[in-house]
Structures are given as C-alpha cells and as structure tokens.
Amino acid sequence: MIDMIHQWIVPAFKSVGMDTAVIASIQTRLNAVHAAQDGMERATIEQELRLEVMEEARKACDEAEGKCPATVWPFATYRDLLFLDQNHNHQGVTTRF
C-alpha cells in the first residue's frame, strides 16, 4: 500500500496542489509498528493505523480523485467502475470520457 501511495497517489496529489501530510502519517505509524518492542504497544499502534490513519488517507484519496483530471488520476475512478460496460468501444478497448 505504501508503494502504491508513493508511486501513484502522491504525484496525483501534487498535480492538483493537495497536501501530502496525511500520506506521510501512514508511513510514520507503520514505522512505529516496526519499532514497537511490547506486543500490546504494537497492537495499539496497528489498530490506530488501520482504523484511524488509513481512514484519513482514504478520505484524502477520495478528495483527490474528485479534484484530479481523469488524465492525471492513476486508477479507475468510481465513474469508470460504475459504467465499466460503457467505457469500451466495439472492439473492447477502454475509452475515456
């Protein structure tokens, strides 16, 4: 997930001038998981990472998807997925709106 964010999402954020701090918080919390010595401490950090930090990242990514032009956004948009059958020409080649 971190690799996908760094390779694809961060450049999309930057292309529309969005702050990438929320993305950095994922890496920070992941580093804390690896550094934790105590099992309970590690579990607490992992829970926070999964339930809070990743939720913030998801919201930021959804916001960026709405702001980025389709030519900049690196993944299929919700519109692409909802109307998948309408995004192909007669030869089955994907087309953009």
PDB file of N, CA and C in Angstrom:
ATOM      1  N   MET A   1       0.815  -1.182   0.000  1.00  0.00           N
ATOM      2  CA  MET A   1       0.000   0.000   0.000  1.00  0.00           C
ATOM      3  C   MET A   1       0.868   1.260   0.000  1.00  0.00           C
ATOM      4  N   ILE A   2       1.907   1.252   0.819  1.00  0.00           N
ATOM      5  CA  ILE A   2       2.802   2.409   0.881  1.00  0.00           C
ATOM      6  C   ILE A   2       3.436   2.667  -0.489  1.00  0.00           C
ATOM      7  N   ASP A   3       3.859   1.607  -1.171  1.00  0.00           N
ATOM      8  CA  ASP A   3       4.453   1.767  -2.500  1.00  0.00           C
ATOM      9  C   ASP A   3       3.454   2.379  -3.484  1.00  0.00           C
ATOM     10  N   MET A   4       2.206   1.905  -3.459  1.00  0.00           N
ATOM     11  CA  MET A   4       1.177   2.457  -4.345  1.00  0.00           C
ATOM     12  C   MET A   4       0.970   3.938  -4.074  1.00  0.00           C
ATOM     13  N   ILE A   5       0.953   4.281  -2.802  1.00  0.00           N
ATOM     14  CA  ILE A   5       0.741   5.683  -2.441  1.00  0.00           C
ATOM     15  C   ILE A   5       1.884   6.545  -2.954  1.00  0.00           C
ATOM     16  N   HIS A   6       3.113   6.102  -2.708  1.00  0.00           N
ATOM     17  CA  HIS A   6       4.264   6.904  -3.121  1.00  0.00           C
ATOM     18  C   HIS A   6       4.403   6.989  -4.642  1.00  0.00           C
ATOM     19  N   GLN A   7       4.122   5.896  -5.331  1.00  0.00           N
ATOM     20  CA  GLN A   7       4.317   5.882  -6.777  1.00  0.00           C
ATOM     21  C   GLN A   7       3.172   6.528  -7.553  1.00  0.00           C
ATOM     22  N   TRP A   8       1.968   6.450  -7.029  1.00  0.00           N
ATOM     23  CA  TRP A   8       0.814   6.884  -7.811  1.00  0.00           C
ATOM     24  C   TRP A   8       0.019   8.021  -7.182  1.00  0.00           C
ATOM     25  N   ILE A   9      -0.307   7.899  -5.912  1.00  0.00           N
ATOM     26  CA  ILE A   9      -1.182   8.876  -5.275  1.00  0.00           C
ATOM     27  C   ILE A   9      -0.472  10.199  -5.012  1.00  0.00           C
ATOM     28  N   VAL A  10       0.736  10.143  -4.459  1.00  0.00           N
ATOM     29  CA  VAL A  10       1.463  11.384  -4.152  1.00  0.00           C
ATOM     30  C   VAL A  10       1.635  12.258  -5.402  1.00  0.00           C
ATOM     31  N   PRO A  11       2.063  11.709  -6.536  1.00  0.00           N
ATOM     32  CA  PRO A  11       2.153  12.569  -7.730  1.00  0.00           C
ATOM     33  C   PRO A  11       0.800  13.166  -8.140  1.00  0.00           C
ATOM     34  N   ALA A  12      -0.273  12.408  -7.964  1.00  0.00           N
ATOM     35  CA  ALA A  12      -1.598  12.940  -8.290  1.00  0.00           C
ATOM     36  C   ALA A  12      -1.966  14.068  -7.334  1.00  0.00           C
ATOM     37  N   PHE A  13      -1.686  13.889  -6.026  1.00  0.00           N
ATOM     38  CA  PHE A  13      -1.923  14.949  -5.042  1.00  0.00           C
ATOM     39  C   PHE A  13      -1.179  16.209  -5.442  1.00  0.00           C
ATOM     40  N   LYS A  14       0.095  16.040  -5.760  1.00  0.00           N
ATOM     41  CA  LYS A  14       0.937  17.201  -6.090  1.00  0.00           C
ATOM     42  C   LYS A  14       0.460  17.888  -7.359  1.00  0.00           C
ATOM     43  N   SER A  15      -0.059  17.132  -8.297  1.00  0.00           N
ATOM     44  CA  SER A  15      -0.504  17.723  -9.557  1.00  0.00           C
ATOM     45  C   SER A  15      -1.691  18.666  -9.377  1.00  0.00           C
ATOM     46  N   VAL A  16      -2.465  18.467  -8.309  1.00  0.00           N
ATOM     47  CA  VAL A  16      -3.601  19.352  -8.037  1.00  0.00           C
ATOM     48  C   VAL A  16      -3.353  20.219  -6.809  1.00  0.00           C
ATOM     49  N   GLY A  17      -2.113  20.228  -6.315  1.00  0.00           N
ATOM     50  CA  GLY A  17      -1.742  21.097  -5.205  1.00  0.00           C
ATOM     51  C   GLY A  17      -2.249  20.676  -3.844  1.00  0.00           C
ATOM     52  N   MET A  18      -2.555  19.392  -3.656  1.00  0.00           N
ATOM     53  CA  MET A  18      -3.033  18.912  -2.361  1.00  0.00           C
ATOM     54  C   MET A  18      -1.870  18.588  -1.436  1.00  0.00           C
ATOM     55  N   ASP A  19      -2.103  18.745  -0.138  1.00  0.00           N
ATOM     56  CA  ASP A  19      -1.109  18.446   0.882  1.00  0.00           C
ATOM     57  C   ASP A  19      -0.952  16.930   1.017  1.00  0.00           C
ATOM     58  N   THR A  20       0.284  16.465   1.076  1.00  0.00           N
ATOM     59  CA  THR A  20       0.550  15.027   1.191  1.00  0.00           C
ATOM     60  C   THR A  20       0.851  14.600   2.625  1.00  0.00           C
ATOM     61  N   ALA A  21       0.589  15.458   3.606  1.00  0.00           N
ATOM     62  CA  ALA A  21       0.898  15.142   5.006  1.00  0.00           C
ATOM     63  C   ALA A  21       0.135  13.916   5.501  1.00  0.00           C
ATOM     64  N   VAL A  22      -1.105  13.758   5.082  1.00  0.00           N
ATOM     65  CA  VAL A  22      -1.884  12.609   5.545  1.00  0.00           C
ATOM     66  C   VAL A  22      -1.242  11.307   5.062  1.00  0.00           C
ATOM     67  N   ILE A  23      -0.642  11.345   3.907  1.00  0.00           N
ATOM     68  CA  ILE A  23       0.051  10.170   3.376  1.00  0.00           C
ATOM     69  C   ILE A  23       1.289   9.866   4.216  1.00  0.00           C
ATOM     70  N   ALA A  24       2.013  10.895   4.585  1.00  0.00           N
ATOM     71  CA  ALA A  24       3.208  10.709   5.408  1.00  0.00           C
ATOM     72  C   ALA A  24       2.862  10.115   6.762  1.00  0.00           C
ATOM     73  N   SER A  25       1.670  10.401   7.282  1.00  0.00           N
ATOM     74  CA  SER A  25       1.287   9.869   8.588  1.00  0.00           C
ATOM     75  C   SER A  25       1.148   8.349   8.560  1.00  0.00           C
ATOM     76  N   ILE A  26       0.813   7.788   7.418  1.00  0.00           N
ATOM     77  CA  ILE A  26       0.729   6.328   7.307  1.00  0.00           C
ATOM     78  C   ILE A  26       2.115   5.722   7.479  1.00  0.00           C
ATOM     79  N   GLN A  27       3.084   6.276   6.778  1.00  0.00           N
ATOM     80  CA  GLN A  27       4.451   5.763   6.882  1.00  0.00           C
ATOM     81  C   GLN A  27       4.985   5.925   8.306  1.00  0.00           C
ATOM     82  N   THR A  28       4.695   7.037   8.945  1.00  0.00           N
ATOM     83  CA  THR A  28       5.142   7.289  10.312  1.00  0.00           C
ATOM     84  C   THR A  28       4.580   6.242  11.269  1.00  0.00           C
ATOM     85  N   ARG A  29       3.296   5.969  11.147  1.00  0.00           N
ATOM     86  CA  ARG A  29       2.660   4.976  12.040  1.00  0.00           C
ATOM     87  C   ARG A  29       3.158   3.567  11.714  1.00  0.00           C
ATOM     88  N   LEU A  30       3.398   3.263  10.465  1.00  0.00           N
ATOM     89  CA  LEU A  30       3.926   1.954  10.100  1.00  0.00           C
ATOM     90  C   LEU A  30       5.321   1.765  10.676  1.00  0.00           C
ATOM     91  N   ASN A  31       6.150   2.809  10.623  1.00  0.00           N
ATOM     92  CA  ASN A  31       7.479   2.739  11.237  1.00  0.00           C
ATOM     93  C   ASN A  31       7.374   2.502  12.737  1.00  0.00           C
ATOM     94  N   ALA A  32       6.381   3.117  13.373  1.00  0.00           N
ATOM     95  CA  ALA A  32       6.182   2.930  14.815  1.00  0.00           C
ATOM     96  C   ALA A  32       5.796   1.490  15.127  1.00  0.00           C
ATOM     97  N   VAL A  33       5.015   0.862  14.267  1.00  0.00           N
ATOM     98  CA  VAL A  33       4.651  -0.547  14.463  1.00  0.00           C
ATOM     99  C   VAL A  33       5.911  -1.410  14.472  1.00  0.00           C
ATOM    100  N   HIS A  34       6.778  -1.184  13.513  1.00  0.00           N
ATOM    101  CA  HIS A  34       8.000  -1.981  13.408  1.00  0.00           C
ATOM    102  C   HIS A  34       8.960  -1.722  14.566  1.00  0.00           C
ATOM    103  N   ALA A  35       8.920  -0.513  15.121  1.00  0.00           N
ATOM    104  CA  ALA A  35       9.829  -0.151  16.212  1.00  0.00           C
ATOM    105  C   ALA A  35       9.316  -0.589  17.586  1.00  0.00           C
ATOM    106  N   ALA A  36       8.038  -0.876  17.692  1.00  0.00           N
ATOM    107  CA  ALA A  36       7.447  -1.224  18.997  1.00  0.00           C
ATOM    108  C   ALA A  36       8.066  -2.505  19.542  1.00  0.00           C
ATOM    109  N   GLN A  37       8.415  -2.460  20.803  1.00  0.00           N
ATOM    110  CA  GLN A  37       9.022  -3.615  21.470  1.00  0.00           C
ATOM    111  C   GLN A  37       7.982  -4.472  22.183  1.00  0.00           C
ATOM    112  N   ASP A  38       6.985  -3.835  22.733  1.00  0.00           N
ATOM    113  CA  ASP A  38       5.950  -4.504  23.510  1.00  0.00           C
ATOM    114  C   ASP A  38       4.792  -4.921  22.609  1.00  0.00           C
ATOM    115  N   GLY A  39       4.281  -6.120  22.822  1.00  0.00           N
ATOM    116  CA  GLY A  39       3.186  -6.630  21.994  1.00  0.00           C
ATOM    117  C   GLY A  39       1.927  -5.793  22.090  1.00  0.00           C
ATOM    118  N   MET A  40       1.590  -5.346  23.295  1.00  0.00           N
ATOM    119  CA  MET A  40       0.389  -4.537  23.480  1.00  0.00           C
ATOM    120  C   MET A  40       0.549  -3.175  22.810  1.00  0.00           C
ATOM    121  N   GLU A  41       1.726  -2.585  22.937  1.00  0.00           N
ATOM    122  CA  GLU A  41       2.003  -1.303  22.294  1.00  0.00           C
ATOM    123  C   GLU A  41       1.874  -1.439  20.775  1.00  0.00           C
ATOM    124  N   ARG A  42       2.434  -2.520  20.251  1.00  0.00           N
ATOM    125  CA  ARG A  42       2.376  -2.764  18.809  1.00  0.00           C
ATOM    126  C   ARG A  42       0.927  -2.936  18.339  1.00  0.00           C
ATOM    127  N   ALA A  43       0.147  -3.695  19.098  1.00  0.00           N
ATOM    128  CA  ALA A  43      -1.256  -3.920  18.735  1.00  0.00           C
ATOM    129  C   ALA A  43      -2.050  -2.617  18.756  1.00  0.00           C
ATOM    130  N   THR A  44      -1.776  -1.762  19.724  1.00  0.00           N
ATOM    131  CA  THR A  44      -2.461  -0.469  19.829  1.00  0.00           C
ATOM    132  C   THR A  44      -2.136   0.406  18.627  1.00  0.00           C
ATOM    133  N   ILE A  45      -0.863   0.441  18.265  1.00  0.00           N
ATOM    134  CA  ILE A  45      -0.444   1.249  17.104  1.00  0.00           C
ATOM    135  C   ILE A  45      -1.053   0.681  15.823  1.00  0.00           C
ATOM    136  N   GLU A  46      -1.058  -0.644  15.683  1.00  0.00           N
ATOM    137  CA  GLU A  46      -1.642  -1.271  14.491  1.00  0.00           C
ATOM    138  C   GLU A  46      -3.129  -0.953  14.383  1.00  0.00           C
ATOM    139  N   GLN A  47      -3.827  -0.980  15.507  1.00  0.00           N
ATOM    140  CA  GLN A  47      -5.250  -0.659  15.496  1.00  0.00           C
ATOM    141  C   GLN A  47      -5.477   0.789  15.066  1.00  0.00           C
ATOM    142  N   GLU A  48      -4.692   1.695  15.619  1.00  0.00           N
ATOM    143  CA  GLU A  48      -4.791   3.102  15.246  1.00  0.00           C
ATOM    144  C   GLU A  48      -4.488   3.292  13.760  1.00  0.00           C
ATOM    145  N   LEU A  49      -3.471   2.595  13.284  1.00  0.00           N
ATOM    146  CA  LEU A  49      -3.104   2.681  11.872  1.00  0.00           C
ATOM    147  C   LEU A  49      -4.259   2.241  10.984  1.00  0.00           C
ATOM    148  N   ARG A  50      -4.850   1.109  11.309  1.00  0.00           N
ATOM    149  CA  ARG A  50      -5.912   0.556  10.462  1.00  0.00           C
ATOM    150  C   ARG A  50      -7.230   1.314  10.570  1.00  0.00           C
ATOM    151  N   LEU A  51      -7.589   1.727  11.782  1.00  0.00           N
ATOM    152  CA  LEU A  51      -8.910   2.313  11.972  1.00  0.00           C
ATOM    153  C   LEU A  51      -8.952   3.829  11.826  1.00  0.00           C
ATOM    154  N   GLU A  52      -7.860   4.499  12.095  1.00  0.00           N
ATOM    155  CA  GLU A  52      -7.885   5.963  12.063  1.00  0.00           C
ATOM    156  C   GLU A  52      -7.046   6.538  10.930  1.00  0.00           C
ATOM    157  N   VAL A  53      -5.773   6.195  10.897  1.00  0.00           N
ATOM    158  CA  VAL A  53      -4.861   6.792   9.928  1.00  0.00           C
ATOM    159  C   VAL A  53      -5.244   6.396   8.500  1.00  0.00           C
ATOM    160  N   MET A  54      -5.553   5.134   8.283  1.00  0.00           N
ATOM    161  CA  MET A  54      -5.917   4.707   6.936  1.00  0.00           C
ATOM    162  C   MET A  54      -7.257   5.303   6.507  1.00  0.00           C
ATOM    163  N   GLU A  55      -8.150   5.542   7.449  1.00  0.00           N
ATOM    164  CA  GLU A  55      -9.422   6.192   7.127  1.00  0.00           C
ATOM    165  C   GLU A  55      -9.181   7.625   6.660  1.00  0.00           C
ATOM    166  N   GLU A  56      -8.276   8.327   7.335  1.00  0.00           N
ATOM    167  CA  GLU A  56      -7.915   9.685   6.915  1.00  0.00           C
ATOM    168  C   GLU A  56      -7.303   9.671   5.511  1.00  0.00           C
ATOM    169  N   ALA A  57      -6.447   8.702   5.269  1.00  0.00           N
ATOM    170  CA  ALA A  57      -5.817   8.593   3.947  1.00  0.00           C
ATOM    171  C   ALA A  57      -6.866   8.302   2.878  1.00  0.00           C
ATOM    172  N   ARG A  58      -7.806   7.446   3.196  1.00  0.00           N
ATOM    173  CA  ARG A  58      -8.871   7.118   2.245  1.00  0.00           C
ATOM    174  C   ARG A  58      -9.686   8.354   1.883  1.00  0.00           C
ATOM    175  N   LYS A  59     -10.027   9.148   2.885  1.00  0.00           N
ATOM    176  CA  LYS A  59     -10.788  10.378   2.629  1.00  0.00           C
ATOM    177  C   LYS A  59      -9.989  11.327   1.740  1.00  0.00           C
ATOM    178  N   ALA A  60      -8.706  11.455   2.032  1.00  0.00           N
ATOM    179  CA  ALA A  60      -7.848  12.347   1.234  1.00  0.00           C
ATOM    180  C   ALA A  60      -7.751  11.852  -0.207  1.00  0.00           C
ATOM    181  N   CYS A  61      -7.623  10.541  -0.383  1.00  0.00           N
ATOM    182  CA  CYS A  61      -7.539   9.972  -1.734  1.00  0.00           C
ATOM    183  C   CYS A  61      -8.846  10.174  -2.499  1.00  0.00           C
ATOM    184  N   ASP A  62      -9.975   9.987  -1.808  1.00  0.00           N
ATOM    185  CA  ASP A  62     -11.269  10.221  -2.453  1.00  0.00           C
ATOM    186  C   ASP A  62     -11.411  11.682  -2.873  1.00  0.00           C
ATOM    187  N   GLU A  63     -10.947  12.591  -2.008  1.00  0.00           N
ATOM    188  CA  GLU A  63     -10.994  14.016  -2.331  1.00  0.00           C
ATOM    189  C   GLU A  63     -10.112  14.324  -3.548  1.00  0.00           C
ATOM    190  N   ALA A  64      -8.928  13.745  -3.571  1.00  0.00           N
ATOM    191  CA  ALA A  64      -8.013  13.966  -4.696  1.00  0.00           C
ATOM    192  C   ALA A  64      -8.599  13.408  -5.985  1.00  0.00           C
ATOM    193  N   GLU A  65      -9.241  12.267  -5.895  1.00  0.00           N
ATOM    194  CA  GLU A  65      -9.848  11.678  -7.086  1.00  0.00           C
ATOM    195  C   GLU A  65     -10.884  12.620  -7.685  1.00  0.00           C
ATOM    196  N   GLY A  66     -11.623  13.296  -6.821  1.00  0.00           N
ATOM    197  CA  GLY A  66     -12.628  14.241  -7.289  1.00  0.00           C
ATOM    198  C   GLY A  66     -12.030  15.499  -7.896  1.00  0.00           C
ATOM    199  N   LYS A  67     -10.815  15.860  -7.482  1.00  0.00           N
ATOM    200  CA  LYS A  67     -10.178  17.083  -7.968  1.00  0.00           C
ATOM    201  C   LYS A  67      -9.266  16.859  -9.172  1.00  0.00           C
ATOM    202  N   CYS A  68      -8.730  15.676  -9.295  1.00  0.00           N
ATOM    203  CA  CYS A  68      -7.783  15.395 -10.373  1.00  0.00           C
ATOM    204  C   CYS A  68      -8.497  15.190 -11.704  1.00  0.00           C
ATOM    205  N   PRO A  69      -7.941  15.722 -12.760  1.00  0.00           N
ATOM    206  CA  PRO A  69      -8.481  15.387 -14.079  1.00  0.00           C
ATOM    207  C   PRO A  69      -8.285  13.891 -14.341  1.00  0.00           C
ATOM    208  N   ALA A  70      -9.154  13.305 -15.106  1.00  0.00           N
ATOM    209  CA  ALA A  70      -9.077  11.868 -15.385  1.00  0.00           C
ATOM    210  C   ALA A  70      -7.732  11.475 -15.986  1.00  0.00           C
ATOM    211  N   THR A  71      -7.113  12.379 -16.704  1.00  0.00           N
ATOM    212  CA  THR A  71      -5.821  12.067 -17.320  1.00  0.00           C
ATOM    213  C   THR A  71      -4.695  12.005 -16.301  1.00  0.00           C
ATOM    214  N   VAL A  72      -4.905  12.567 -15.116  1.00  0.00           N
ATOM    215  CA  VAL A  72      -3.887  12.586 -14.066  1.00  0.00           C
ATOM    216  C   VAL A  72      -4.100  11.458 -13.055  1.00  0.00           C
ATOM    217  N   TRP A  73      -5.362  11.130 -12.771  1.00  0.00           N
ATOM    218  CA  TRP A  73      -5.660  10.120 -11.759  1.00  0.00           C
ATOM    219  C   TRP A  73      -5.201   8.748 -12.251  1.00  0.00           C
ATOM    220  N   PRO A  74      -4.363   8.036 -11.460  1.00  0.00           N
ATOM    221  CA  PRO A  74      -3.721   6.816 -11.942  1.00  0.00           C
ATOM    222  C   PRO A  74      -4.572   5.549 -11.897  1.00  0.00           C
ATOM    223  N   PHE A  75      -5.737   5.614 -11.282  1.00  0.00           N
ATOM    224  CA  PHE A  75      -6.564   4.418 -11.130  1.00  0.00           C
ATOM    225  C   PHE A  75      -7.942   4.644 -11.738  1.00  0.00           C
ATOM    226  N   ALA A  76      -8.674   3.563 -11.882  1.00  0.00           N
ATOM    227  CA  ALA A  76     -10.047   3.680 -12.351  1.00  0.00           C
ATOM    228  C   ALA A  76     -10.836   4.503 -11.336  1.00  0.00           C
ATOM    229  N   THR A  77     -11.638   5.432 -11.812  1.00  0.00           N
ATOM    230  CA  THR A  77     -12.470   6.238 -10.925  1.00  0.00           C
ATOM    231  C   THR A  77     -13.750   5.471 -10.615  1.00  0.00           C
ATOM    232  N   TYR A  78     -14.508   5.978  -9.655  1.00  0.00           N
ATOM    233  CA  TYR A  78     -15.794   5.347  -9.353  1.00  0.00           C
ATOM    234  C   TYR A  78     -16.682   5.362 -10.596  1.00  0.00           C
ATOM    235  N   ARG A  79     -16.622   6.441 -11.344  1.00  0.00           N
ATOM    236  CA  ARG A  79     -17.416   6.523 -12.574  1.00  0.00           C
ATOM    237  C   ARG A  79     -16.996   5.439 -13.562  1.00  0.00           C
ATOM    238  N   ASP A  80     -15.677   5.245 -13.707  1.00  0.00           N
ATOM    239  CA  ASP A  80     -15.185   4.193 -14.606  1.00  0.00           C
ATOM    240  C   ASP A  80     -15.726   2.832 -14.194  1.00  0.00           C
ATOM    241  N   LEU A  81     -15.716   2.572 -12.895  1.00  0.00           N
ATOM    242  CA  LEU A  81     -16.151   1.278 -12.392  1.00  0.00           C
ATOM    243  C   LEU A  81     -17.660   1.091 -12.499  1.00  0.00           C
ATOM    244  N   LEU A  82     -18.410   2.135 -12.193  1.00  0.00           N
ATOM    245  CA  LEU A  82     -19.871   2.038 -12.252  1.00  0.00           C
ATOM    246  C   LEU A  82     -20.388   1.844 -13.667  1.00  0.00           C
ATOM    247  N   PHE A  83     -19.697   2.452 -14.626  1.00  0.00           N
ATOM    248  CA  PHE A  83     -20.144   2.381 -16.008  1.00  0.00           C
ATOM    249  C   PHE A  83     -19.134   1.627 -16.872  1.00  0.00           C
ATOM    250  N   LEU A  84     -18.542   0.583 -16.303  1.00  0.00           N
ATOM    251  CA  LEU A  84     -17.492  -0.178 -16.970  1.00  0.00           C
ATOM    252  C   LEU A  84     -17.921  -0.663 -18.350  1.00  0.00           C
ATOM    253  N   ASP A  85     -19.136  -1.135 -18.458  1.00  0.00           N
ATOM    254  CA  ASP A  85     -19.611  -1.641 -19.745  1.00  0.00           C
ATOM    255  C   ASP A  85     -19.761  -0.531 -20.786  1.00  0.00           C
ATOM    256  N   GLN A  86     -19.844   0.708 -20.357  1.00  0.00           N
ATOM    257  CA  GLN A  86     -19.987   1.825 -21.282  1.00  0.00           C
ATOM    258  C   GLN A  86     -18.649   2.479 -21.609  1.00  0.00           C
ATOM    259  N   ASN A  87     -17.564   1.981 -20.998  1.00  0.00           N
ATOM    260  CA  ASN A  87     -16.235   2.558 -21.204  1.00  0.00           C
ATOM    261  C   ASN A  87     -15.435   1.808 -22.258  1.00  0.00           C
ATOM    262  N   HIS A  88     -16.084   0.945 -23.004  1.00  0.00           N
ATOM    263  CA  HIS A  88     -15.386   0.159 -24.023  1.00  0.00           C
ATOM    264  C   HIS A  88     -16.024   0.411 -25.379  1.00  0.00           C
ATOM    265  N   ASN A  89     -15.187   0.490 -26.385  1.00  0.00           N
ATOM    266  CA  ASN A  89     -15.734   0.647 -27.730  1.00  0.00           C
ATOM    267  C   ASN A  89     -16.121  -0.732 -28.276  1.00  0.00           C
ATOM    268  N   HIS A  90     -16.512  -0.797 -29.515  1.00  0.00           N
ATOM    269  CA  HIS A  90     -16.986  -2.046 -30.105  1.00  0.00           C
ATOM    270  C   HIS A  90     -15.919  -3.134 -30.177  1.00  0.00           C
ATOM    271  N   GLN A  91     -14.636  -2.762 -30.016  1.00  0.00           N
ATOM    272  CA  GLN A  91     -13.556  -3.743 -30.043  1.00  0.00           C
ATOM    273  C   GLN A  91     -13.099  -4.135 -28.636  1.00  0.00           C
ATOM    274  N   GLY A  92     -13.794  -3.619 -27.606  1.00  0.00           N
ATOM    275  CA  GLY A  92     -13.438  -3.925 -26.236  1.00  0.00           C
ATOM    276  C   GLY A  92     -12.285  -3.092 -25.682  1.00  0.00           C
ATOM    277  N   VAL A  93     -11.892  -2.049 -26.397  1.00  0.00           N
ATOM    278  CA  VAL A  93     -10.817  -1.169 -25.968  1.00  0.00           C
ATOM    279  C   VAL A  93     -11.376  -0.125 -25.023  1.00  0.00           C
ATOM    280  N   THR A  94     -10.703   0.075 -23.895  1.00  0.00           N
ATOM    281  CA  THR A  94     -11.139   1.065 -22.917  1.00  0.00           C
ATOM    282  C   THR A  94     -11.033   2.468 -23.490  1.00  0.00           C
ATOM    283  N   THR A  95     -12.073   3.237 -23.318  1.00  0.00           N
ATOM    284  CA  THR A  95     -12.090   4.626 -23.756  1.00  0.00           C
ATOM    285  C   THR A  95     -12.335   5.513 -22.542  1.00  0.00           C
ATOM    286  N   ARG A  96     -11.953   6.772 -22.629  1.00  0.00           N
ATOM    287  CA  ARG A  96     -12.185   7.729 -21.546  1.00  0.00           C
ATOM    288  C   ARG A  96     -13.305   8.675 -21.957  1.00  0.00           C
ATOM    289  N   PHE A  97     -13.892   9.302 -20.975  1.00  0.00           N
ATOM    290  CA  PHE A  97     -14.969  10.257 -21.229  1.00  0.00           C
ATOM    291  C   PHE A  97     -14.401  11.557 -21.698  1.00  0.00           C
TER     292      PHE A  97
END
